[in-house]
Protein backbone atom coordinates (compact mmCIF):
# COMPACT_ATOMS: atom_id res chain seq x y z
CA MET A 1 59.25 144.74 119.65
CA ASP A 2 60.77 143.68 123.14
CA THR A 3 63.86 141.30 123.33
CA ALA A 4 61.61 138.07 123.47
CA ASP A 5 59.46 138.80 120.65
CA ALA A 6 62.59 139.89 118.41
CA ASN A 7 64.38 136.54 119.33
CA THR A 8 61.34 134.44 118.25
CA ALA A 9 60.99 136.66 114.90
CA ILE A 10 64.55 135.23 114.23
CA THR A 11 65.58 131.86 112.15
CA ALA A 12 69.13 131.14 112.69
CA ILE A 13 70.85 128.77 109.89
CA ILE A 14 74.13 127.00 110.45
CA PRO A 15 76.13 125.21 107.68
CA ALA A 16 78.25 122.43 109.43
CA TYR A 17 80.74 120.16 108.23
CA ASN A 18 82.55 117.68 110.65
CA GLU A 19 81.87 120.11 113.42
CA GLY A 20 80.86 117.36 116.09
CA LEU A 21 83.10 119.00 118.72
CA VAL A 22 81.42 122.40 118.79
CA ILE A 23 78.16 122.39 116.98
CA GLY A 24 76.33 121.37 120.25
CA SER A 25 77.28 124.64 122.02
CA VAL A 26 76.67 126.73 118.84
CA VAL A 27 73.25 125.53 118.58
CA LEU A 28 72.43 125.89 122.30
CA ASN A 29 73.68 129.28 122.32
CA ALA A 30 71.86 130.25 119.03
CA ARG A 31 68.62 129.05 120.69
CA ARG A 32 68.98 131.72 123.21
CA PHE A 33 68.69 134.39 120.52
CA ALA A 34 66.56 132.69 117.79
CA GLY A 35 63.09 131.23 117.79
CA HIS A 36 64.33 128.60 115.26
CA VAL A 37 67.76 126.98 114.59
CA ILE A 38 68.30 124.92 111.36
CA VAL A 39 71.67 122.92 110.91
CA VAL A 40 72.61 121.98 107.49
CA ASP A 41 74.95 119.14 107.58
CA ASP A 42 77.02 119.09 104.47
CA GLY A 43 78.01 115.32 104.36
CA SER A 44 79.89 115.07 107.77
CA LYS A 45 81.67 112.03 108.60
CA ASP A 46 81.45 112.36 112.19
CA ASN A 47 78.28 112.84 114.66
CA THR A 48 77.68 116.59 113.60
CA SER A 49 73.88 115.79 112.82
CA GLU A 50 73.34 113.67 115.92
CA ILE A 51 74.71 116.35 118.33
CA ALA A 52 72.85 119.20 116.58
CA HIS A 53 69.60 117.53 116.94
CA LEU A 54 70.27 116.51 120.55
CA ALA A 55 71.06 120.25 121.08
CA GLY A 56 67.62 121.16 119.77
CA ALA A 57 68.17 122.04 115.96
CA GLU A 58 66.14 121.18 112.98
CA VAL A 59 68.79 119.24 111.13
CA ILE A 60 68.94 118.77 107.30
CA THR A 61 71.36 116.12 106.58
CA LEU A 62 73.05 115.90 103.02
CA GLU A 63 74.49 112.60 102.06
CA GLU A 64 77.67 114.08 100.37
CA ASN A 65 79.70 117.26 100.96
CA ALA A 66 78.67 119.60 98.08
CA GLY A 67 80.29 123.05 99.57
CA LYS A 68 78.92 125.71 101.60
CA SER A 69 77.06 127.45 98.93
CA HIS A 70 74.74 124.33 98.01
CA ALA A 71 74.13 123.77 101.92
CA MET A 72 73.10 127.51 102.33
CA MET A 73 70.95 127.42 99.35
CA ILE A 74 68.88 124.33 101.08
CA ALA A 75 68.97 126.39 104.44
CA PHE A 76 67.58 129.55 102.81
CA ALA A 77 64.75 127.56 101.02
CA ARG A 78 63.78 126.09 104.59
CA ALA A 79 64.02 129.32 106.09
CA LYS A 80 61.59 130.83 103.32
CA GLU A 81 59.17 128.25 104.43
CA ILE A 82 59.37 129.29 108.06
CA GLY A 83 58.82 132.87 107.14
CA SER A 84 60.54 134.56 109.92
CA PRO A 85 60.92 138.11 109.73
CA ALA A 86 64.73 137.84 109.98
CA THR A 87 67.05 134.94 108.88
CA VAL A 88 70.54 134.87 110.36
CA MET A 89 73.35 132.90 109.03
CA LEU A 90 76.44 132.08 110.91
CA ASP A 91 79.22 129.23 110.79
CA GLY A 92 78.98 126.34 112.56
CA ASP A 93 82.88 125.98 113.70
CA GLY A 94 82.44 128.47 116.74
CA GLN A 95 84.16 131.35 115.08
CA HIS A 96 80.89 133.49 115.34
CA ASP A 97 79.39 134.36 118.69
CA PRO A 98 75.62 133.47 118.72
CA ALA A 99 75.24 136.27 121.40
CA GLU A 100 75.60 138.83 118.32
CA ILE A 101 72.48 137.28 116.61
CA PRO A 102 70.13 140.25 117.79
CA ALA A 103 72.56 142.82 116.95
CA VAL A 104 73.18 141.22 113.28
CA ALA A 105 69.35 140.77 112.94
CA ALA A 106 68.22 144.35 114.28
CA PRO A 107 68.65 146.33 111.04
CA VAL A 108 66.28 143.81 109.22
CA LEU A 109 63.80 143.68 112.22
CA ALA A 110 63.78 147.43 112.20
CA GLY A 111 62.87 147.50 108.40
CA ALA A 112 66.11 149.41 107.65
CA ALA A 113 67.85 146.72 105.41
CA ASP A 114 67.46 143.73 103.45
CA LEU A 115 70.74 142.19 104.05
CA VAL A 116 73.10 143.03 107.07
CA VAL A 117 76.73 141.80 106.82
CA GLY A 118 78.62 141.44 110.21
CA SER A 119 82.12 142.89 109.60
CA ARG A 120 85.17 142.16 111.47
CA PHE A 121 86.90 145.39 110.07
CA LEU A 122 84.40 147.88 111.57
CA ASN A 123 85.94 147.68 115.09
CA ALA A 124 89.68 148.65 114.70
CA LYS A 125 90.49 146.98 117.89
CA ASP A 126 88.91 143.78 116.68
CA SER A 127 90.27 143.74 113.42
CA GLU A 128 93.96 144.02 114.94
CA GLU A 129 93.55 140.48 116.03
CA ILE A 130 92.94 139.04 112.64
CA PRO A 131 95.80 137.18 111.54
CA GLY A 132 97.92 139.07 108.77
CA TYR A 133 97.55 136.64 106.03
CA ARG A 134 93.87 136.71 106.53
CA GLN A 135 93.59 140.66 106.39
CA PHE A 136 95.73 140.62 103.11
CA GLY A 137 93.52 137.69 101.63
CA GLN A 138 90.28 139.54 102.66
CA LYS A 139 91.49 142.89 101.13
CA VAL A 140 92.06 141.22 97.87
CA LEU A 141 88.64 139.55 97.92
CA ASN A 142 86.87 142.64 99.02
CA LYS A 143 88.44 144.66 96.23
CA ALA A 144 87.27 142.23 93.57
CA THR A 145 83.87 141.58 95.09
CA ASN A 146 83.32 145.29 95.34
CA VAL A 147 84.13 145.77 91.81
CA SER A 148 81.55 142.98 90.78
CA SER A 149 78.86 144.61 93.13
CA GLY A 150 79.38 148.33 92.64
CA MET A 151 79.20 148.98 96.19
CA LYS A 152 81.74 149.07 99.20
CA CYS A 153 81.71 146.50 101.70
CA SER A 154 84.50 146.16 104.43
CA ASP A 155 83.90 142.35 104.99
CA SER A 156 82.63 140.81 101.84
CA GLN A 157 83.57 137.23 102.84
CA SER A 158 81.76 137.45 106.12
CA GLY A 159 79.42 134.40 106.78
CA TYR A 160 77.65 136.19 109.72
CA ARG A 161 74.74 137.75 108.14
CA ALA A 162 71.07 138.74 108.39
CA LEU A 163 68.31 138.62 105.62
CA SER A 164 64.82 140.05 105.33
CA ARG A 165 61.79 138.02 103.89
CA LYS A 166 62.54 140.29 100.73
CA ALA A 167 66.16 139.01 100.50
CA LEU A 168 65.08 135.43 100.66
CA GLU A 169 62.64 135.89 97.91
CA ASN A 170 65.45 137.15 95.98
CA MET A 171 67.92 134.13 96.54
CA ASP A 172 67.25 133.24 92.86
CA PHE A 173 70.77 132.93 91.56
CA ALA A 174 73.08 129.93 91.17
CA ALA A 175 75.64 129.29 93.94
CA ASN A 176 78.50 126.74 94.04
CA GLY A 177 81.50 126.10 96.08
CA TYR A 178 82.42 128.73 98.71
CA GLY A 179 81.62 132.12 96.75
CA ILE A 180 77.97 132.47 98.03
CA GLU A 181 78.74 135.76 100.06
CA SER A 182 80.25 137.59 97.21
CA GLU A 183 77.25 136.54 94.72
CA MET A 184 74.86 137.36 97.30
CA LEU A 185 76.28 140.82 97.49
CA ALA A 186 76.45 141.31 93.71
CA HIS A 187 73.05 139.91 93.12
CA PHE A 188 71.13 141.92 95.95
CA ALA A 189 73.03 145.15 94.93
CA GLU A 190 71.84 144.64 91.22
CA ARG A 191 68.26 144.10 92.51
CA GLY A 192 68.34 147.30 94.50
CA LEU A 193 68.01 145.67 97.94
CA VAL A 194 69.10 147.78 101.13
CA ILE A 195 72.65 146.45 102.21
CA THR A 196 74.34 147.51 105.42
CA GLU A 197 77.12 146.37 107.89
CA VAL A 198 77.26 146.14 111.53
CA PRO A 199 80.46 145.09 113.73
CA ILE A 200 81.05 141.56 115.04
CA THR A 201 83.61 139.75 116.83
CA VAL A 202 85.23 136.53 115.50
CA THR A 203 87.57 134.12 117.32
CA TYR A 204 89.92 132.13 115.24
CA GLU A 205 90.98 129.63 117.99
CA VAL A 206 88.52 126.92 117.03
CA PRO A 207 89.03 123.12 116.23
CA HIS A 208 89.57 122.23 112.64
CA LYS A 209 89.98 125.88 111.82
CA HIS A 210 91.71 124.81 108.44
CA LYS A 211 89.60 122.39 107.13
CA MET A 212 90.56 123.75 103.78
CA ASN A 213 93.89 125.04 102.93
CA PRO A 214 93.66 128.98 103.14
CA VAL A 215 95.45 129.75 100.09
CA LYS A 216 93.34 127.14 98.09
CA HIS A 217 90.21 128.31 99.52
CA GLY A 218 91.15 132.05 98.77
CA LEU A 219 91.91 131.13 95.15
CA SER A 220 88.93 129.41 94.65
CA VAL A 221 86.79 132.19 95.70
CA LEU A 222 88.78 134.69 93.73
CA GLY A 223 88.26 132.53 90.71
CA GLY A 224 84.60 132.64 91.29
CA ILE A 225 84.42 136.37 91.93
CA ILE A 226 86.47 137.17 88.90
CA GLN A 227 83.66 134.85 86.90
CA LEU A 228 81.09 136.84 88.57
CA VAL A 229 82.64 140.14 87.46
CA SER A 230 83.17 138.94 83.63
CA ILE A 231 79.20 138.40 83.85
CA LYS A 232 77.98 141.44 85.87
CA ARG A 233 80.78 143.96 84.64
CA PRO A 234 81.92 142.85 81.10
CA LEU A 235 82.77 146.27 80.11
CA MET A 236 85.07 146.74 82.96
CA CYS A 237 86.55 143.35 82.98
CA PHE A 238 87.13 142.94 79.10
CA GLY A 239 86.31 146.26 77.71
CA VAL A 240 88.81 148.67 79.68
CA PRO A 241 91.80 146.01 79.04
CA GLY A 242 90.68 145.79 75.60
CA PHE A 243 90.62 149.66 75.01
CA ILE A 244 93.97 150.00 76.70
CA LEU A 245 95.65 147.44 74.73
CA THR A 246 93.93 148.70 71.36
CA VAL A 247 95.64 152.23 72.16
CA VAL A 248 99.09 150.68 73.01
CA GLY A 249 98.87 148.71 69.72
CA ILE A 250 97.91 151.86 67.60
CA PHE A 251 100.92 153.53 69.24
CA MET A 252 103.27 150.65 68.45
CA ALA A 253 101.96 150.63 65.01
CA VAL A 254 102.87 154.24 64.36
CA GLN A 255 106.15 153.61 65.85
CA ALA A 256 106.52 150.74 63.31
CA PHE A 257 105.56 153.15 60.28
CA ASP A 258 107.71 155.76 61.64
CA ILE A 259 110.83 153.37 61.64
CA VAL A 260 110.04 152.37 58.06
CA ALA A 261 109.74 156.22 57.06
CA LYS A 262 113.04 156.90 58.39
CA THR A 263 115.11 153.77 57.65
CA GLY A 264 113.23 152.13 55.10
CA ILE A 265 113.24 148.79 56.93
CA TRP A 266 110.38 147.20 58.71
CA SER A 267 111.13 146.45 62.41
CA THR A 268 109.72 142.94 62.86
CA ASN A 269 109.59 143.01 66.47
CA VAL A 270 107.84 146.36 66.94
CA THR A 271 105.21 145.24 63.98
CA LEU A 272 104.54 141.92 65.57
CA VAL A 273 103.84 143.21 69.13
CA ALA A 274 101.74 146.11 67.46
CA MET A 275 99.78 143.36 65.64
CA MET A 276 99.35 141.08 68.67
CA MET A 277 98.08 144.02 70.83
CA LEU A 278 95.63 145.32 68.14
CA MET A 279 94.12 141.82 67.47
CA LEU A 280 93.86 141.11 71.36
CA GLY A 281 92.59 144.40 72.31
CA MET A 282 89.89 144.39 69.59
CA LEU A 283 88.95 140.66 70.63
CA LEU A 284 88.40 141.79 74.08
CA VAL A 285 86.39 144.99 73.20
CA ILE A 286 84.04 142.72 70.97
CA THR A 287 83.81 140.17 73.74
CA ALA A 288 82.70 142.80 76.23
CA LEU A 289 80.14 144.29 74.06
CA ILE A 290 78.69 140.84 73.30
CA LEU A 291 78.63 139.97 76.89
CA TYR A 292 77.20 143.32 77.99
CA SER A 293 74.44 142.96 75.44
CA ILE A 294 73.56 139.32 76.69
CA SER A 295 73.62 140.70 80.36
CA ALA A 296 71.21 143.58 79.42
CA LEU A 297 68.89 141.20 77.71
CA MET A 298 69.03 138.76 80.78
CA ARG A 299 68.26 141.71 83.21
CA LYS A 300 65.14 142.38 81.15
């Protein structure tokens, strides 16, 4: 497949919220590398929709801001209707370079992957330019996402991705807020889809780079990931801590009986701690088993 054919085989989808300053250039550049460009205007208060349309994008306008996940699910549904061999998602704020669309889509077009994640951390030189607070936050979110998905991804929160037709067929999960990247990884890994990464570059000097407080955003995503882990891996989330607490509770109970045997006096503090740990530990273990059973039934 030559370059021209490859480009027409790609649909680019771009979520945007109040990106009137940059969406025009993002769309114009994306059109050089994708045969079809879709912009989902997530309830913008500026002229994002008008500029995206003038730049040549198909624009889907939402009346209210419902979050990136909701906007992306609408975009994926439209991309599925179009049926391009590869669908590439990238942010509308100018952080992602549209010139990298062919590189991100290449493994999908070659039939080597169903999901390609553009990673900021595969190139050591580029990763050095990422602000320290972002690197720390990403490491935390990566660890949590990798636990939930059972795989190892260096940039789990990257919004620069390519999906195959098979991946679009498997976009049958609920996604809310800003956690679609983590949920996508966990869902596709569970379905056995092939996931790979390619290096990308990112620029952080863009207008409105902090539309949402970074700490608040990170905690929101982390909360969603923890919820995802509790559903996908209940034995790890609840069972392991429950087992540890139960073992510690038994040890404390033995200590309490040993004190009674030696002194004839109950140690109220040790006894209460032992009882609390035993009850909490057993509650967590039972919860883990119940959730695991429910999860197993849902997979069937």
